[in-house]
Protein backbone atom coordinates (compact mmCIF):
# COMPACT_ATOMS: atom_id res chain seq x y z
CA MET A 1 115.50 108.56 91.92
CA PRO A 2 117.95 111.18 92.80
CA PHE A 3 117.24 112.78 96.09
CA GLN A 4 118.66 116.23 96.89
CA THR A 5 119.30 115.71 100.32
CA HIS A 6 122.58 116.99 100.81
CA ILE A 7 121.68 119.81 102.71
CA LEU A 8 120.90 117.56 105.55
CA THR A 9 124.85 115.48 105.47
CA GLU A 10 126.25 118.93 105.32
CA ALA A 11 128.30 119.63 108.68
CA ALA A 12 126.25 122.06 110.57
CA ARG A 13 128.03 125.50 111.24
CA PRO A 14 128.78 125.55 115.05
CA LEU A 15 126.52 126.97 117.57
CA GLU A 16 127.54 130.01 119.56
CA ASN A 17 128.85 128.40 123.03
CA ARG A 18 125.89 129.10 124.81
CA GLY A 19 124.19 126.78 127.40
CA ASP A 20 120.42 128.13 126.31
CA LEU A 21 121.46 126.69 122.67
CA GLU A 22 121.97 123.08 123.77
CA PRO A 23 118.24 122.14 123.23
CA LEU A 24 118.91 123.21 119.68
CA ARG A 25 121.93 121.28 119.20
CA SER A 26 120.07 117.89 119.43
CA LEU A 27 116.82 119.79 117.35
CA ILE A 28 119.14 119.96 114.52
CA ASP A 29 120.42 116.17 114.53
CA GLN A 30 116.62 115.24 115.07
CA TYR A 31 115.92 117.47 111.95
CA ARG A 32 118.55 115.74 109.96
CA GLU A 33 117.61 112.30 111.08
CA VAL A 34 113.94 112.77 110.32
CA ARG A 35 114.24 114.42 107.25
CA SER A 36 116.58 112.10 105.63
CA ALA A 37 114.44 109.55 107.18
CA THR A 38 111.38 110.60 104.50
CA ALA A 39 113.99 110.68 101.56
CA ALA A 40 115.01 107.04 102.34
CA LEU A 41 111.82 105.90 102.05
CA CYS A 42 111.22 107.05 98.83
CA GLU A 43 114.40 105.65 97.21
CA PRO A 44 112.48 102.12 96.21
CA LEU A 45 109.96 104.00 94.51
CA ALA A 46 110.16 105.52 90.73
CA PRO A 47 108.71 108.97 90.22
CA GLU A 48 105.78 107.50 88.67
CA ASP A 49 105.00 105.99 92.00
CA CYS A 50 105.16 109.20 93.82
CA VAL A 51 102.23 110.62 91.59
CA ILE A 52 99.12 108.22 91.95
CA GLN A 53 96.70 108.46 94.45
CA SER A 54 94.80 105.45 94.42
CA MET A 55 91.26 106.38 96.68
CA PRO A 56 90.28 109.81 98.41
CA ASP A 57 91.83 108.99 101.72
CA ALA A 58 95.27 108.42 100.19
CA SER A 59 97.68 111.17 99.14
CA PRO A 60 100.59 110.67 96.78
CA THR A 61 104.06 110.54 97.63
CA LYS A 62 105.09 113.63 95.80
CA TRP A 63 102.15 115.26 97.97
CA HIS A 64 103.43 114.20 101.55
CA LEU A 65 106.89 115.15 100.35
CA ALA A 66 105.90 118.73 100.09
CA HIS A 67 103.14 119.15 102.86
CA THR A 68 106.10 118.22 105.11
CA SER A 69 108.10 120.83 103.99
CA TRP A 70 105.20 123.46 104.10
CA PHE A 71 104.73 122.84 107.45
CA PHE A 72 107.79 123.87 108.50
CA GLU A 73 108.01 126.81 105.68
CA GLU A 74 104.10 127.62 107.19
CA PHE A 75 104.92 127.39 110.77
CA VAL A 76 108.38 128.38 111.32
CA LEU A 77 109.90 129.74 108.30
CA ARG A 78 107.65 132.36 108.46
CA ALA A 79 107.12 133.33 111.88
CA HIS A 80 110.87 133.11 113.12
CA ALA A 81 113.15 133.50 109.95
CA ARG A 82 113.60 136.92 109.76
CA ASP A 83 113.17 138.28 105.90
CA TYR A 84 111.81 134.88 104.66
CA ARG A 85 111.25 134.30 101.04
CA SER A 86 108.76 131.44 100.14
CA TYR A 87 109.62 128.93 97.62
CA ASP A 88 106.61 129.21 95.75
CA ASP A 89 103.61 131.61 97.24
CA ALA A 90 101.43 128.75 94.88
CA PHE A 91 102.61 125.89 97.42
CA SER A 92 101.11 127.15 100.50
CA TYR A 93 97.48 126.57 98.16
CA LEU A 94 98.84 123.05 96.79
CA PHE A 95 99.87 121.73 99.94
CA ASN A 96 97.68 122.94 102.78
CA SER A 97 95.98 119.83 104.11
CA TYR A 98 92.95 121.20 106.24
CA TYR A 99 93.99 124.37 108.18
CA GLU A 100 91.16 127.26 107.45
CA ALA A 101 93.17 129.73 109.23
CA VAL A 102 95.63 129.82 106.41
CA GLY A 103 94.04 129.94 103.80
CA PRO A 104 92.19 128.10 100.87
CA ARG A 105 94.03 124.74 99.47
CA HIS A 106 93.44 121.85 96.62
CA GLU A 107 90.84 119.42 97.43
CA ARG A 108 92.31 116.34 98.94
CA PRO A 109 90.35 113.95 96.68
CA HIS A 110 92.17 115.59 93.83
CA ARG A 111 95.82 115.17 95.00
CA GLY A 112 97.13 112.70 92.24
CA LEU A 113 96.13 114.88 89.49
CA LEU A 114 98.82 117.82 90.29
CA SER A 115 101.38 116.59 87.83
CA ARG A 116 102.75 119.94 88.70
CA PRO A 117 105.31 120.59 90.51
CA THR A 118 106.98 117.54 89.27
CA VAL A 119 108.82 114.90 91.68
CA GLN A 120 112.41 116.85 90.98
CA GLN A 121 111.14 120.32 91.99
CA THR A 122 109.63 118.96 95.16
CA PHE A 123 112.70 117.49 96.25
CA ALA A 124 114.13 120.75 95.19
CA TYR A 125 111.38 122.45 97.32
CA ARG A 126 112.37 120.19 100.50
CA ALA A 127 116.10 120.59 99.64
CA TYR A 128 115.29 124.97 100.03
CA VAL A 129 113.24 124.70 103.22
CA ASP A 130 115.87 122.48 104.32
CA GLU A 131 118.91 125.07 103.55
CA GLN A 132 116.63 127.67 105.50
CA MET A 133 115.49 125.72 108.36
CA LEU A 134 119.25 124.56 108.92
CA GLU A 135 120.37 128.61 109.00
CA LEU A 136 117.47 129.03 111.16
CA LEU A 137 118.36 126.56 113.73
CA ASN A 138 122.33 127.37 113.83
CA GLY A 139 121.50 131.11 114.48
CA GLY A 140 119.89 130.55 117.44
CA GLY A 141 117.15 133.33 118.33
CA GLU A 142 113.91 131.88 120.43
CA THR A 143 114.99 128.88 121.44
CA SER A 144 112.05 128.01 123.60
CA ASP A 145 108.90 128.53 120.99
CA LEU A 146 111.46 127.97 117.91
CA ALA A 147 112.39 124.47 119.61
CA ARG A 148 108.48 123.40 120.64
CA ILE A 149 107.14 124.16 116.97
CA VAL A 150 110.14 122.53 115.17
CA THR A 151 109.67 119.82 117.25
CA LEU A 152 105.47 119.53 116.07
CA GLY A 153 107.03 119.61 112.87
CA LEU A 154 109.43 116.54 113.30
CA HIS A 155 106.60 114.71 114.89
CA HIS A 156 104.41 115.50 112.32
CA GLU A 157 106.44 114.37 109.37
CA GLN A 158 106.85 110.97 111.36
CA GLN A 159 103.17 110.90 110.82
CA HIS A 160 103.36 111.32 107.16
CA GLN A 161 106.41 108.76 107.07
CA GLU A 162 104.20 106.17 108.10
CA LEU A 163 101.21 107.51 105.74
CA LEU A 164 103.75 107.74 102.96
CA LEU A 165 103.82 103.91 103.25
CA THR A 166 100.23 102.56 104.34
CA ASP A 167 99.13 105.37 101.17
CA ILE A 168 102.02 103.56 98.42
CA LYS A 169 100.87 100.18 99.44
CA HIS A 170 97.50 100.62 98.56
CA ALA A 171 98.50 102.47 95.23
CA LEU A 172 100.52 99.45 94.64
CA SER A 173 97.61 96.96 95.43
CA CYS A 174 95.61 97.99 93.10
CA ASN A 175 98.11 97.61 90.13
CA PRO A 176 97.30 94.04 88.31
CA LEU A 177 100.99 93.11 88.73
CA LEU A 178 100.90 93.72 92.53
CA PRO A 179 104.49 95.16 92.40
CA ALA A 180 106.91 94.67 95.96
CA TYR A 181 107.68 98.33 97.29
CA THR A 182 111.27 96.61 98.41
CA GLN A 183 112.66 93.77 98.99
CA ASP A 184 114.81 94.82 101.15
CA SER A 185 114.08 93.26 103.96
CA ALA A 186 115.08 91.66 107.61
CA PHE A 187 111.29 89.62 107.51
CA ALA A 188 111.90 85.98 108.50
CA GLY A 189 108.67 84.84 109.30
CA GLY A 190 107.74 81.45 110.26
CA LYS A 191 107.90 81.66 114.17
CA ALA A 192 106.41 79.35 116.38
CA PRO A 193 102.67 80.66 117.41
CA LEU A 194 102.56 81.96 121.18
CA PRO A 195 99.54 80.63 122.51
CA LEU A 196 96.78 83.07 123.56
CA SER A 197 96.17 83.64 127.20
CA PHE A 198 93.99 86.26 128.94
CA ILE A 199 95.91 88.56 131.91
CA GLU A 200 94.25 89.77 134.59
CA ILE A 201 95.36 93.16 135.57
CA ASP A 202 93.59 95.23 138.62
CA GLY A 203 91.59 98.47 137.97
CA GLY A 204 90.95 100.85 140.14
CA LEU A 205 91.67 104.90 139.70
CA VAL A 206 94.64 105.57 137.31
CA GLU A 207 96.03 108.15 135.65
CA ALA A 208 95.99 108.54 131.85
CA GLY A 209 97.46 110.88 128.97
CA ARG A 210 100.61 113.19 129.70
CA ASN A 211 100.59 117.16 130.86
CA ALA A 212 101.56 119.36 128.36
CA ASP A 213 103.53 121.93 130.39
CA GLN A 214 105.79 118.85 131.83
CA ASN A 215 106.38 117.78 127.94
CA ALA A 216 107.35 121.36 126.99
CA ASP A 217 111.09 121.50 127.49
CA ARG A 218 111.95 117.99 126.98
CA GLY A 219 112.70 117.73 123.25
CA PHE A 220 112.34 115.50 120.84
CA ASP A 221 111.81 112.43 122.88
CA GLY A 222 109.50 114.22 125.53
CA PHE A 223 107.00 115.27 123.24
CA ALA A 224 103.60 114.46 123.27
CA PHE A 225 100.70 116.02 121.18
CA ASP A 226 98.15 118.08 122.52
CA ASN A 227 95.15 114.98 122.14
CA GLU A 228 97.35 113.29 124.72
CA SER A 229 96.62 115.72 127.57
CA PRO A 230 96.04 116.61 130.31
CA ARG A 231 96.71 113.70 132.54
CA HIS A 232 93.81 112.90 134.35
CA ARG A 233 92.53 110.27 136.69
CA THR A 234 89.64 107.77 135.33
CA TYR A 235 88.13 104.72 137.02
CA LEU A 236 89.10 101.00 135.40
CA GLN A 237 87.22 97.67 136.59
CA PRO A 238 89.57 94.49 136.94
CA PHE A 239 89.78 93.29 133.43
CA LYS A 240 91.62 90.87 131.38
CA LEU A 241 93.80 91.36 128.33
CA ALA A 242 94.66 89.21 125.80
CA ASN A 243 98.63 88.31 125.78
CA ARG A 244 99.16 89.15 122.32
CA LEU A 245 97.59 90.07 119.04
CA VAL A 246 94.69 88.19 117.28
CA THR A 247 96.70 85.92 114.34
CA ASN A 248 95.77 85.43 110.66
CA GLY A 249 94.94 82.06 111.17
CA GLU A 250 92.67 82.94 114.29
CA PHE A 251 90.90 85.80 112.29
CA ARG A 252 91.01 82.80 109.28
CA GLU A 253 88.68 80.63 111.59
CA PHE A 254 86.08 83.56 111.95
CA MET A 255 85.42 83.60 108.26
CA ALA A 256 85.11 79.74 107.85
CA ASP A 257 82.58 80.13 110.44
CA GLY A 258 80.30 82.85 108.58
CA GLY A 259 81.55 85.85 110.11
CA TYR A 260 81.14 88.02 107.19
CA ARG A 261 77.68 86.51 106.28
CA HIS A 262 76.24 86.49 110.11
CA ALA A 263 75.00 89.82 111.34
CA GLU A 264 74.73 88.92 114.52
CA PHE A 265 78.42 89.67 114.72
CA TRP A 266 78.73 93.08 113.67
CA LEU A 267 77.43 96.46 114.68
CA SER A 268 74.55 97.98 112.50
CA ASP A 269 76.58 100.64 111.01
CA GLY A 270 79.33 97.63 110.29
CA TRP A 271 76.85 95.29 108.89
CA ALA A 272 75.57 97.86 106.38
CA THR A 273 78.93 98.58 105.16
CA VAL A 274 80.36 94.76 104.99
CA GLN A 275 76.74 94.51 102.62
CA ARG A 276 77.49 97.94 100.69
CA GLU A 277 80.98 97.12 100.31
CA GLN A 278 80.74 93.28 99.80
CA TRP A 279 83.75 92.77 102.17
CA THR A 280 84.19 89.44 102.18
CA ARG A 281 88.21 88.73 103.72
CA PRO A 282 90.68 91.75 104.27
CA ILE A 283 91.62 94.15 102.44
CA TYR A 284 94.98 92.89 101.05
CA TRP A 285 94.04 89.18 101.25
CA GLN A 286 93.74 87.07 98.03
CA ASP A 287 90.32 84.86 97.16
CA SER A 288 92.32 81.85 98.23
CA LEU A 289 93.04 82.95 101.83
CA GLU A 290 96.15 81.76 101.17
CA ARG A 291 98.46 84.56 100.12
CA GLU A 292 98.06 88.74 101.11
CA PHE A 293 99.73 91.59 99.16
CA THR A 294 102.42 93.13 101.11
CA LEU A 295 105.03 96.24 101.06
CA LEU A 296 107.39 93.05 100.06
CA GLY A 297 104.77 92.04 97.44
CA LEU A 298 102.37 89.07 97.13
CA ARG A 299 103.43 86.63 99.59
CA LYS A 300 102.24 83.41 101.72
CA LEU A 301 99.80 84.10 104.21
CA ASP A 302 101.79 83.78 107.77
CA PRO A 303 98.67 82.00 109.63
CA ASN A 304 101.10 83.02 113.13
CA ALA A 305 101.43 86.36 112.20
CA PRO A 306 99.01 89.52 113.75
CA VAL A 307 95.76 90.13 111.25
CA CYS A 308 96.43 93.43 109.86
CA HIS A 309 94.30 96.13 107.98
CA LEU A 310 91.14 94.93 109.53
CA SER A 311 88.53 98.09 110.06
CA TYR A 312 87.07 98.91 113.38
CA TYR A 313 84.06 97.23 112.39
CA GLU A 314 85.80 94.15 111.73
CA ALA A 315 87.84 94.21 114.63
CA ASP A 316 84.56 94.34 116.88
CA ALA A 317 82.92 91.67 115.10
CA TYR A 318 85.73 89.45 115.37
CA ALA A 319 85.69 90.03 119.33
CA ARG A 320 82.35 89.47 119.56
CA TRP A 321 82.39 85.94 117.88
CA ARG A 322 85.16 84.81 120.14
CA GLU A 323 82.73 86.34 123.01
CA ALA A 324 85.39 88.93 124.08
CA ARG A 325 85.72 92.68 123.19
CA LEU A 326 87.82 95.26 122.49
CA PRO A 327 89.68 97.24 125.10
CA THR A 328 89.10 100.73 126.15
CA GLU A 329 91.92 103.06 125.34
CA PHE A 330 92.44 103.56 128.97
CA GLU A 331 92.52 99.74 129.56
CA TRP A 332 95.12 99.47 126.91
CA GLU A 333 97.36 102.39 128.38
CA HIS A 334 97.01 101.39 132.29
CA ALA A 335 98.57 97.84 130.53
CA ALA A 336 101.24 99.21 128.68
CA SER A 337 102.70 101.95 131.05
CA GLY A 338 105.19 100.77 133.99
CA ALA A 339 108.27 100.25 134.91
CA ARG A 340 109.36 98.49 131.94
CA GLU A 341 107.68 100.65 128.97
CA ARG A 342 110.97 101.53 127.42
CA ALA A 343 112.06 97.90 126.97
CA ARG A 344 108.29 96.95 125.33
CA ILE A 345 109.07 99.85 122.77
CA ALA A 346 112.64 98.40 122.25
CA ALA A 347 111.15 95.47 121.69
CA GLY A 348 109.05 96.01 119.16
CA ASN A 349 108.64 95.78 115.39
CA PHE A 350 108.74 99.23 113.86
CA VAL A 351 109.71 100.92 110.85
CA ASP A 352 113.12 100.24 111.93
CA ASN A 353 113.43 97.01 111.81
CA ARG A 354 112.88 97.03 107.78
CA ASN A 355 110.49 94.19 108.29
CA TRP A 356 108.04 95.90 106.72
CA HIS A 357 104.77 93.70 107.86
CA PRO A 358 103.22 92.71 111.21
CA VAL A 359 105.71 89.48 112.68
CA ALA A 360 104.48 86.45 114.61
CA ALA A 361 104.94 86.66 118.62
CA ASP A 362 106.59 83.95 120.05
CA ALA A 363 107.62 83.12 124.04
CA ALA A 364 110.76 84.82 123.54
CA GLY A 365 109.11 88.24 123.09
CA ALA A 366 107.80 88.20 126.75
CA LEU A 367 110.06 90.21 128.95
CA SER A 368 109.02 87.70 131.45
CA ASP A 369 111.28 85.04 129.44
CA ARG A 370 114.74 87.46 129.02
CA LYS A 371 117.82 87.00 130.83
CA ASP A 372 117.45 90.51 131.57
CA MET A 373 114.82 90.03 134.08
CA ALA A 374 117.49 90.37 137.07
CA ALA A 375 115.92 94.15 136.77
CA ARG A 376 112.25 92.32 138.31
CA LYS A 377 113.62 94.62 141.26
CA ASP A 378 111.52 97.52 139.39
CA MET A 379 108.57 95.18 140.04
CA VAL A 380 106.39 96.81 142.53
CA ASN A 381 102.76 95.46 142.36
CA ARG A 382 100.84 92.50 140.76
CA THR A 383 99.83 94.96 137.84
CA ASP A 384 103.25 95.55 137.13
CA THR A 385 103.77 91.38 137.18
CA ALA A 386 100.91 91.10 134.86
CA ARG A 387 102.52 93.58 132.34
CA GLU A 388 105.48 91.63 132.19
CA HIS A 389 103.15 88.85 130.33
CA LEU A 390 102.18 91.01 127.32
CA VAL A 391 103.87 90.75 124.53
CA GLN A 392 103.32 93.05 121.03
CA MET A 393 101.91 96.14 122.63
CA PHE A 394 104.00 98.06 120.61
CA GLY A 395 104.70 98.07 117.00
CA ASP A 396 103.01 95.30 114.18
CA VAL A 397 99.93 96.71 114.24
CA TRP A 398 97.84 99.44 115.34
CA GLU A 399 95.34 97.94 118.51
CA TRP A 400 91.53 98.90 117.95
CA THR A 401 90.17 100.45 120.94
CA GLN A 402 86.18 100.45 121.34
CA SER A 403 86.71 104.18 122.85
CA ALA A 404 85.80 107.18 120.83
CA TYR A 405 87.67 110.07 119.94
CA SER A 406 87.27 112.43 122.35
CA PRO A 407 88.93 115.69 124.42
CA TYR A 408 90.30 114.40 127.98
CA PRO A 409 88.70 116.71 130.57
CA GLY A 410 90.29 119.74 130.76
CA PHE A 411 91.36 119.80 127.07
CA VAL A 412 92.10 123.44 125.55
CA THR A 413 92.27 123.69 121.82
CA ALA A 414 95.49 126.07 121.20
CA ALA A 415 95.14 129.29 119.68
CA GLY A 416 95.44 129.99 115.60
CA ALA A 417 95.77 127.45 112.94
CA ILE A 418 98.27 124.91 114.81
CA GLY A 419 95.02 124.52 116.84
CA GLU A 420 93.44 122.52 114.11
CA TYR A 421 95.81 119.81 114.42
CA ASN A 422 93.82 117.80 116.49
CA GLY A 423 90.85 119.28 118.38
CA LYS A 424 88.63 119.83 115.37
CA PHE A 425 88.53 116.14 114.82
CA MET A 426 87.20 114.77 117.91
CA VAL A 427 83.91 113.44 116.56
CA SER A 428 83.21 109.95 115.49
CA GLN A 429 86.61 108.35 114.81
CA LEU A 430 87.73 105.29 117.27
CA VAL A 431 91.35 105.21 119.12
CA LEU A 432 93.84 103.06 117.99
CA ARG A 433 96.91 102.52 120.31
CA GLY A 434 100.45 100.92 119.98
CA GLY A 435 101.75 101.91 116.92
CA SER A 436 102.81 99.70 113.89
CA CYS A 437 105.34 97.87 111.76
CA VAL A 438 105.36 101.45 109.77
CA THR A 439 105.75 103.71 112.48
CA PRO A 440 108.90 105.05 113.98
CA ARG A 441 109.80 103.56 117.15
CA SER A 442 111.41 107.21 117.99
CA HIS A 443 107.65 108.67 117.66
CA ILE A 444 105.68 106.41 120.10
CA ARG A 445 104.75 106.07 123.44
CA PRO A 446 102.59 104.84 125.80
CA THR A 447 99.78 107.98 125.91
CA TYR A 448 100.14 108.14 121.71
CA ARG A 449 96.02 108.51 120.38
CA ASN A 450 95.95 107.37 116.95
CA PHE A 451 92.59 108.01 115.29
CA PHE A 452 90.56 107.07 112.00
CA TYR A 453 86.75 106.12 111.24
CA PRO A 454 85.40 102.99 112.03
CA THR A 455 85.54 101.75 108.11
CA ALA A 456 89.17 102.61 107.36
CA ARG A 457 90.98 99.34 106.51
CA TRP A 458 94.62 100.75 104.85
CA GLN A 459 96.16 101.38 107.57
CA PHE A 460 98.18 98.40 109.65
CA SER A 461 95.35 98.10 112.22
CA GLY A 462 94.50 94.56 114.17
CA VAL A 463 93.29 93.45 117.12
CA ARG A 464 93.95 92.44 120.85
CA LEU A 465 91.36 91.03 122.69
CA ALA A 466 90.08 92.03 126.29
CA LYS A 467 87.30 90.47 128.88
CA ASP A 468 85.82 91.85 131.87
CA ALA A 469 87.55 90.31 134.99
């Protein structure tokens, strides 16, 4: 498919030689990088792939491309670009997602009925927005406010990069031919398994989250969503956390033991869902339990790779079967944080790795086994030592927690339409942590809170077990 991304490869007009414009210089580079990454994800797709919607929870690729552009048009260009003229006034209705304050919108379940604008017209829209955005950024202006909303827009687009991949995977899985999204992969597989063990971690009064004011001027890398704030204290009992994620082979043992047939493992709503939806296996596993559908097409099930595409109900039932539980989001964040968190993120399996699927953990993934442990001087207490034995904390699969998605103490919803981004969804959903194999590495951090309904299965979501100490 031809993509109109030439604007992002042209040299930017030099900014004035003013120190206060330095944040915008790096922001221009980030803008180009993120927008180009979205277009690159579409390169394996045909136009026909980009218009289908396989279920109400998913959106067509074309819609993701247009909506992310609409976000910059609505919240940046209309507010900051002098005499801005919209590309097409009708697009505000077609590509608004859920912002009531902006105005009415096309219903989400019917996004797949939009044959027009065409895919090519959608890329022309992106090119127009990119041109206007780069002109605005090169012109300087109200650097602080502008940088903040553009940075939010970039992280919003990275969220949709992941959704684009999970949504197209679901759409392709509905095709009887089970076509691959791509064959261009670094995926190898075949790693020897890392034995499962539980690492004891001290409890006590700990801090969680981030303060919005401390993120405001730190640019793209220092960004955090409002639902990650404010930083606050919470008390944890000592707990144990599994050193790695639950594998396909281990989940298959749960199935062999009648896991989907015995109500005693399931929450009441979960068991009702199993009965109503006739769940008998993870969503992309074949009936033989030997093969699964992936972004690389139909592949042999790797028993040592993390099990993925589980609902919260399935994750919780498995944990109960193992006489364990899911961690709270605060236990998970406490375990994932610390002096070596950047190294753990760097070691994770993200979309940047181009594996397109979770990969098995091995002993080499534990930071405690690496040659760079000359940096052990960073280790200051027993909890930091315990953290060194945890692998796959970032990337591979989003890890379900038992925590309800709710506001932190002192959370205040932002004024205006942008306040609808997170706050109004803080009910009836569960928190997931850590990112997945289709998350951009630069998008993730220990405080990141993803959230989905407990029935959701089409995301790359999996299980890490926890126990009371």
